[in-house]
Structure formats: structure tokens, C-alpha cells
PDB file of N, CA and C in Angstrom:
ATOM      1  N   UNK A   1      22.978  93.869 -51.742  1.00  0.00           N
ATOM      2  CA  UNK A   1      23.475  93.312 -50.511  1.00  0.00           C
ATOM      3  C   UNK A   1      24.486  92.199 -50.800  1.00  0.00           C
ATOM      4  N   UNK A   2      24.156  91.370 -51.760  1.00  0.00           N
ATOM      5  CA  UNK A   2      25.072  90.277 -52.107  1.00  0.00           C
ATOM      6  C   UNK A   2      26.418  90.820 -52.580  1.00  0.00           C
ATOM      7  N   UNK A   3      26.379  91.952 -53.267  1.00  0.00           N
ATOM      8  CA  UNK A   3      27.627  92.555 -53.745  1.00  0.00           C
ATOM      9  C   UNK A   3      28.517  92.966 -52.572  1.00  0.00           C
ATOM     10  N   UNK A   4      27.913  93.561 -51.545  1.00  0.00           N
ATOM     11  CA  UNK A   4      28.682  93.956 -50.364  1.00  0.00           C
ATOM     12  C   UNK A   4      29.270  92.734 -49.660  1.00  0.00           C
ATOM     13  N   UNK A   5      28.486  91.666 -49.591  1.00  0.00           N
ATOM     14  CA  UNK A   5      28.967  90.451 -48.937  1.00  0.00           C
ATOM     15  C   UNK A   5      30.110  89.817 -49.726  1.00  0.00           C
ATOM     16  N   UNK A   6      30.051  89.905 -51.052  1.00  0.00           N
ATOM     17  CA  UNK A   6      31.154  89.413 -51.877  1.00  0.00           C
ATOM     18  C   UNK A   6      32.416  90.242 -51.649  1.00  0.00           C
ATOM     19  N   UNK A   7      32.244  91.556 -51.535  1.00  0.00           N
ATOM     20  CA  UNK A   7      33.386  92.428 -51.234  1.00  0.00           C
ATOM     21  C   UNK A   7      34.001  92.027 -49.904  1.00  0.00           C
ATOM     22  N   UNK A   8      33.145  91.765 -48.925  1.00  0.00           N
ATOM     23  CA  UNK A   8      33.642  91.367 -47.603  1.00  0.00           C
ATOM     24  C   UNK A   8      34.464  90.081 -47.690  1.00  0.00           C
ATOM     25  N   UNK A   9      33.942  89.085 -48.403  1.00  0.00           N
ATOM     26  CA  UNK A   9      34.670  87.817 -48.543  1.00  0.00           C
ATOM     27  C   UNK A   9      35.990  88.004 -49.288  1.00  0.00           C
ATOM     28  N   UNK A  10      35.941  88.811 -50.338  1.00  0.00           N
ATOM     29  CA  UNK A  10      37.123  89.001 -51.178  1.00  0.00           C
ATOM     30  C   UNK A  10      38.206  89.828 -50.483  1.00  0.00           C
ATOM     31  N   UNK A  11      37.790  90.924 -49.857  1.00  0.00           N
ATOM     32  CA  UNK A  11      38.759  91.896 -49.343  1.00  0.00           C
ATOM     33  C   UNK A  11      39.156  91.696 -47.886  1.00  0.00           C
ATOM     34  N   UNK A  12      38.400  90.896 -47.154  1.00  0.00           N
ATOM     35  CA  UNK A  12      38.678  90.747 -45.726  1.00  0.00           C
ATOM     36  C   UNK A  12      38.684  89.280 -45.308  1.00  0.00           C
ATOM     37  N   UNK A  13      39.649  88.518 -45.837  1.00  0.00           N
ATOM     38  CA  UNK A  13      39.734  87.114 -45.439  1.00  0.00           C
ATOM     39  C   UNK A  13      40.194  86.995 -43.986  1.00  0.00           C
ATOM     40  N   UNK A  14      39.908  85.871 -43.349  1.00  0.00           N
ATOM     41  CA  UNK A  14      40.380  85.666 -41.976  1.00  0.00           C
ATOM     42  C   UNK A  14      41.899  85.803 -41.906  1.00  0.00           C
ATOM     43  N   UNK A  15      42.370  86.392 -40.839  1.00  0.00           N
ATOM     44  CA  UNK A  15      43.796  86.518 -40.616  1.00  0.00           C
ATOM     45  C   UNK A  15      44.387  87.850 -41.030  1.00  0.00           C
ATOM     46  N   UNK A  16      43.622  88.674 -41.731  1.00  0.00           N
ATOM     47  CA  UNK A  16      44.120  90.001 -42.108  1.00  0.00           C
ATOM     48  C   UNK A  16      43.773  90.951 -40.975  1.00  0.00           C
ATOM     49  N   UNK A  17      44.678  91.055 -40.018  1.00  0.00           N
ATOM     50  CA  UNK A  17      44.397  91.796 -38.789  1.00  0.00           C
ATOM     51  C   UNK A  17      45.113  93.134 -38.692  1.00  0.00           C
ATOM     52  N   UNK A  18      45.551  93.681 -39.822  1.00  0.00           N
ATOM     53  CA  UNK A  18      46.197  94.991 -39.740  1.00  0.00           C
ATOM     54  C   UNK A  18      45.171  96.024 -39.280  1.00  0.00           C
ATOM     55  N   UNK A  19      45.645  97.076 -38.673  1.00  0.00           N
ATOM     56  CA  UNK A  19      44.739  98.119 -38.173  1.00  0.00           C
ATOM     57  C   UNK A  19      43.905  98.699 -39.308  1.00  0.00           C
ATOM     58  N   UNK A  20      44.533  98.946 -40.446  1.00  0.00           N
ATOM     59  CA  UNK A  20      43.813  99.517 -41.581  1.00  0.00           C
ATOM     60  C   UNK A  20      42.720  98.572 -42.073  1.00  0.00           C
ATOM     61  N   UNK A  21      43.039  97.294 -42.211  1.00  0.00           N
ATOM     62  CA  UNK A  21      42.055  96.314 -42.676  1.00  0.00           C
ATOM     63  C   UNK A  21      40.903  96.191 -41.687  1.00  0.00           C
ATOM     64  N   UNK A  22      41.219  96.188 -40.411  1.00  0.00           N
ATOM     65  CA  UNK A  22      40.166  96.064 -39.399  1.00  0.00           C
ATOM     66  C   UNK A  22      39.212  97.249 -39.441  1.00  0.00           C
ATOM     67  N   UNK A  23      39.759  98.454 -39.598  1.00  0.00           N
ATOM     68  CA  UNK A  23      38.905  99.645 -39.664  1.00  0.00           C
ATOM     69  C   UNK A  23      38.076  99.670 -40.943  1.00  0.00           C
ATOM     70  N   UNK A  24      38.685  99.297 -42.060  1.00  0.00           N
ATOM     71  CA  UNK A  24      37.938  99.258 -43.316  1.00  0.00           C
ATOM     72  C   UNK A  24      36.820  98.226 -43.248  1.00  0.00           C
ATOM     73  N   UNK A  25      37.113  97.089 -42.650  1.00  0.00           N
ATOM     74  CA  UNK A  25      36.095  96.051 -42.500  1.00  0.00           C
ATOM     75  C   UNK A  25      34.965  96.535 -41.592  1.00  0.00           C
ATOM     76  N   UNK A  26      35.325  97.238 -40.550  1.00  0.00           N
ATOM     77  CA  UNK A  26      34.325  97.785 -39.638  1.00  0.00           C
ATOM     78  C   UNK A  26      33.381  98.743 -40.371  1.00  0.00           C
ATOM     79  N   UNK A  27      33.941  99.589 -41.223  1.00  0.00           N
ATOM     80  CA  UNK A  27      33.120 100.530 -41.995  1.00  0.00           C
ATOM     81  C   UNK A  27      32.219  99.771 -42.972  1.00  0.00           C
ATOM     82  N   UNK A  28      32.762  98.760 -43.633  1.00  0.00           N
ATOM     83  CA  UNK A  28      31.948  97.955 -44.544  1.00  0.00           C
ATOM     84  C   UNK A  28      30.816  97.278 -43.793  1.00  0.00           C
ATOM     85  N   UNK A  29      31.109  96.702 -42.627  1.00  0.00           N
ATOM     86  CA  UNK A  29      30.066  96.041 -41.827  1.00  0.00           C
ATOM     87  C   UNK A  29      28.987  97.036 -41.416  1.00  0.00           C
ATOM     88  N   UNK A  30      29.386  98.250 -41.089  1.00  0.00           N
ATOM     89  CA  UNK A  30      28.397  99.273 -40.737  1.00  0.00           C
ATOM     90  C   UNK A  30      27.468  99.528 -41.913  1.00  0.00           C
ATOM     91  N   UNK A  31      28.022  99.627 -43.105  1.00  0.00           N
ATOM     92  CA  UNK A  31      27.205  99.835 -44.294  1.00  0.00           C
ATOM     93  C   UNK A  31      26.258  98.676 -44.548  1.00  0.00           C
ATOM     94  N   UNK A  32      26.749  97.461 -44.380  1.00  0.00           N
ATOM     95  CA  UNK A  32      25.908  96.276 -44.569  1.00  0.00           C
ATOM     96  C   UNK A  32      24.777  96.267 -43.548  1.00  0.00           C
ATOM     97  N   UNK A  33      25.103  96.541 -42.295  1.00  0.00           N
ATOM     98  CA  UNK A  33      24.078  96.554 -41.244  1.00  0.00           C
ATOM     99  C   UNK A  33      23.055  97.660 -41.480  1.00  0.00           C
ATOM    100  N   UNK A  34      23.499  98.810 -41.946  1.00  0.00           N
ATOM    101  CA  UNK A  34      22.587  99.914 -42.222  1.00  0.00           C
ATOM    102  C   UNK A  34      21.632  99.553 -43.355  1.00  0.00           C
ATOM    103  N   UNK A  35      22.151  98.975 -44.417  1.00  0.00           N
ATOM    104  CA  UNK A  35      21.304  98.564 -45.539  1.00  0.00           C
ATOM    105  C   UNK A  35      20.324  97.470 -45.107  1.00  0.00           C
ATOM    106  N   UNK A  36      20.790  96.553 -44.271  1.00  0.00           N
ATOM    107  CA  UNK A  36      19.916  95.492 -43.764  1.00  0.00           C
ATOM    108  C   UNK A  36      18.781  96.089 -42.941  1.00  0.00           C
ATOM    109  N   UNK A  37      19.109  97.034 -42.068  1.00  0.00           N
ATOM    110  CA  UNK A  37      18.084  97.686 -41.258  1.00  0.00           C
ATOM    111  C   UNK A  37      17.021  98.326 -42.140  1.00  0.00           C
ATOM    112  N   UNK A  38      17.448  99.140 -43.102  1.00  0.00           N
ATOM    113  CA  UNK A  38      16.480  99.860 -43.933  1.00  0.00           C
ATOM    114  C   UNK A  38      15.633  98.914 -44.770  1.00  0.00           C
ATOM    115  N   UNK A  39      16.235  97.861 -45.281  1.00  0.00           N
ATOM    116  CA  UNK A  39      15.474  96.890 -46.067  1.00  0.00           C
ATOM    117  C   UNK A  39      14.399  96.231 -45.207  1.00  0.00           C
ATOM    118  N   UNK A  40      14.761  95.819 -44.010  1.00  0.00           N
ATOM    119  CA  UNK A  40      13.794  95.181 -43.117  1.00  0.00           C
ATOM    120  C   UNK A  40      12.716  96.166 -42.685  1.00  0.00           C
ATOM    121  N   UNK A  41      13.109  97.377 -42.343  1.00  0.00           N
ATOM    122  CA  UNK A  41      12.149  98.372 -41.877  1.00  0.00           C
ATOM    123  C   UNK A  41      11.172  98.750 -42.985  1.00  0.00           C
ATOM    124  N   UNK A  42      11.674  98.961 -44.180  1.00  0.00           N
ATOM    125  CA  UNK A  42      10.794  99.331 -45.292  1.00  0.00           C
ATOM    126  C   UNK A  42       9.857  98.191 -45.669  1.00  0.00           C
ATOM    127  N   UNK A  43      10.325  96.963 -45.585  1.00  0.00           N
ATOM    128  CA  UNK A  43       9.463  95.808 -45.833  1.00  0.00           C
ATOM    129  C   UNK A  43       8.324  95.779 -44.821  1.00  0.00           C
ATOM    130  N   UNK A  44       8.650  96.009 -43.567  1.00  0.00           N
ATOM    131  CA  UNK A  44       7.627  96.063 -42.516  1.00  0.00           C
ATOM    132  C   UNK A  44       6.662  97.223 -42.752  1.00  0.00           C
ATOM    133  N   UNK A  45       7.187  98.376 -43.126  1.00  0.00           N
ATOM    134  CA  UNK A  45       6.341  99.547 -43.374  1.00  0.00           C
ATOM    135  C   UNK A  45       5.379  99.280 -44.531  1.00  0.00           C
ATOM    136  N   UNK A  46       5.845  98.645 -45.584  1.00  0.00           N
ATOM    137  CA  UNK A  46       4.970  98.330 -46.718  1.00  0.00           C
ATOM    138  C   UNK A  46       3.849  97.383 -46.305  1.00  0.00           C
ATOM    139  N   UNK A  47       4.174  96.404 -45.450  1.00  0.00           N
ATOM    140  CA  UNK A  47       3.124  95.500 -44.949  1.00  0.00           C
ATOM    141  C   UNK A  47       2.079  96.278 -44.160  1.00  0.00           C
ATOM    142  N   UNK A  48       2.544  97.181 -43.303  1.00  0.00           N
ATOM    143  CA  UNK A  48       1.618  97.981 -42.498  1.00  0.00           C
ATOM    144  C   UNK A  48       0.730  98.856 -43.382  1.00  0.00           C
ATOM    145  N   UNK A  49       1.324  99.518 -44.355  1.00  0.00           N
ATOM    146  CA  UNK A  49       0.542 100.371 -45.254  1.00  0.00           C
ATOM    147  C   UNK A  49      -0.493  99.561 -46.021  1.00  0.00           C
ATOM    148  N   UNK A  50      -0.140  98.355 -46.406  1.00  0.00           N
ATOM    149  CA  UNK A  50      -1.068  97.505 -47.152  1.00  0.00           C
ATOM    150  C   UNK A  50      -2.283  97.128 -46.306  1.00  0.00           C
ATOM    151  N   UNK A  51      -2.113  97.099 -44.998  1.00  0.00           N
ATOM    152  CA  UNK A  51      -3.201  96.700 -44.103  1.00  0.00           C
ATOM    153  C   UNK A  51      -4.017  97.876 -43.582  1.00  0.00           C
ATOM    154  N   UNK A  52      -3.618  99.102 -43.885  1.00  0.00           N
ATOM    155  CA  UNK A  52      -4.361 100.270 -43.409  1.00  0.00           C
ATOM    156  C   UNK A  52      -5.712 100.351 -44.104  1.00  0.00           C
ATOM    157  N   UNK A  53      -6.730 100.738 -43.353  1.00  0.00           N
ATOM    158  CA  UNK A  53      -8.040 100.903 -43.998  1.00  0.00           C
ATOM    159  C   UNK A  53      -8.017 102.135 -44.905  1.00  0.00           C
ATOM    160  N   UNK A  54      -8.815 102.095 -45.941  1.00  0.00           N
ATOM    161  CA  UNK A  54      -8.939 103.263 -46.817  1.00  0.00           C
ATOM    162  C   UNK A  54      -9.618 104.378 -46.046  1.00  0.00           C
ATOM    163  N   UNK A  55      -9.132 105.611 -46.249  1.00  0.00           N
ATOM    164  CA  UNK A  55      -9.772 106.717 -45.541  1.00  0.00           C
ATOM    165  C   UNK A  55     -10.452 107.661 -46.481  1.00  0.00           C
TER     166      UNK A  55
END
């Protein structure tokens, strides 16, 4: 995740408003948000599994 955030800082500084840069940044943000979602969801799922009674 930190690597993606570094790419964002490096490749998309404020003021770069070309259409191509905006679309590329949008795609990168989608990837970051998707990875964030899965990390949070899987962390929650692991907590739930840990609390399940043995069957």
C-alpha cells in the first residue's frame, strides 16, 4: 500500500491537470481503494473466524 501511495505522490503532484494525468490518477486511486477494502474486509473476516466456536 505504501508503494502505491509513493507512486501517487511522485507521479501525480498538485497542478497536473491534463486529461491523461487525471484519468491515470483516477485508475490508481481505484486500485488503492480496492486494496484498502480487501485488507480491511479480510482483517475483519479473520477476527470473526477466530471467534467462531469449534464445531
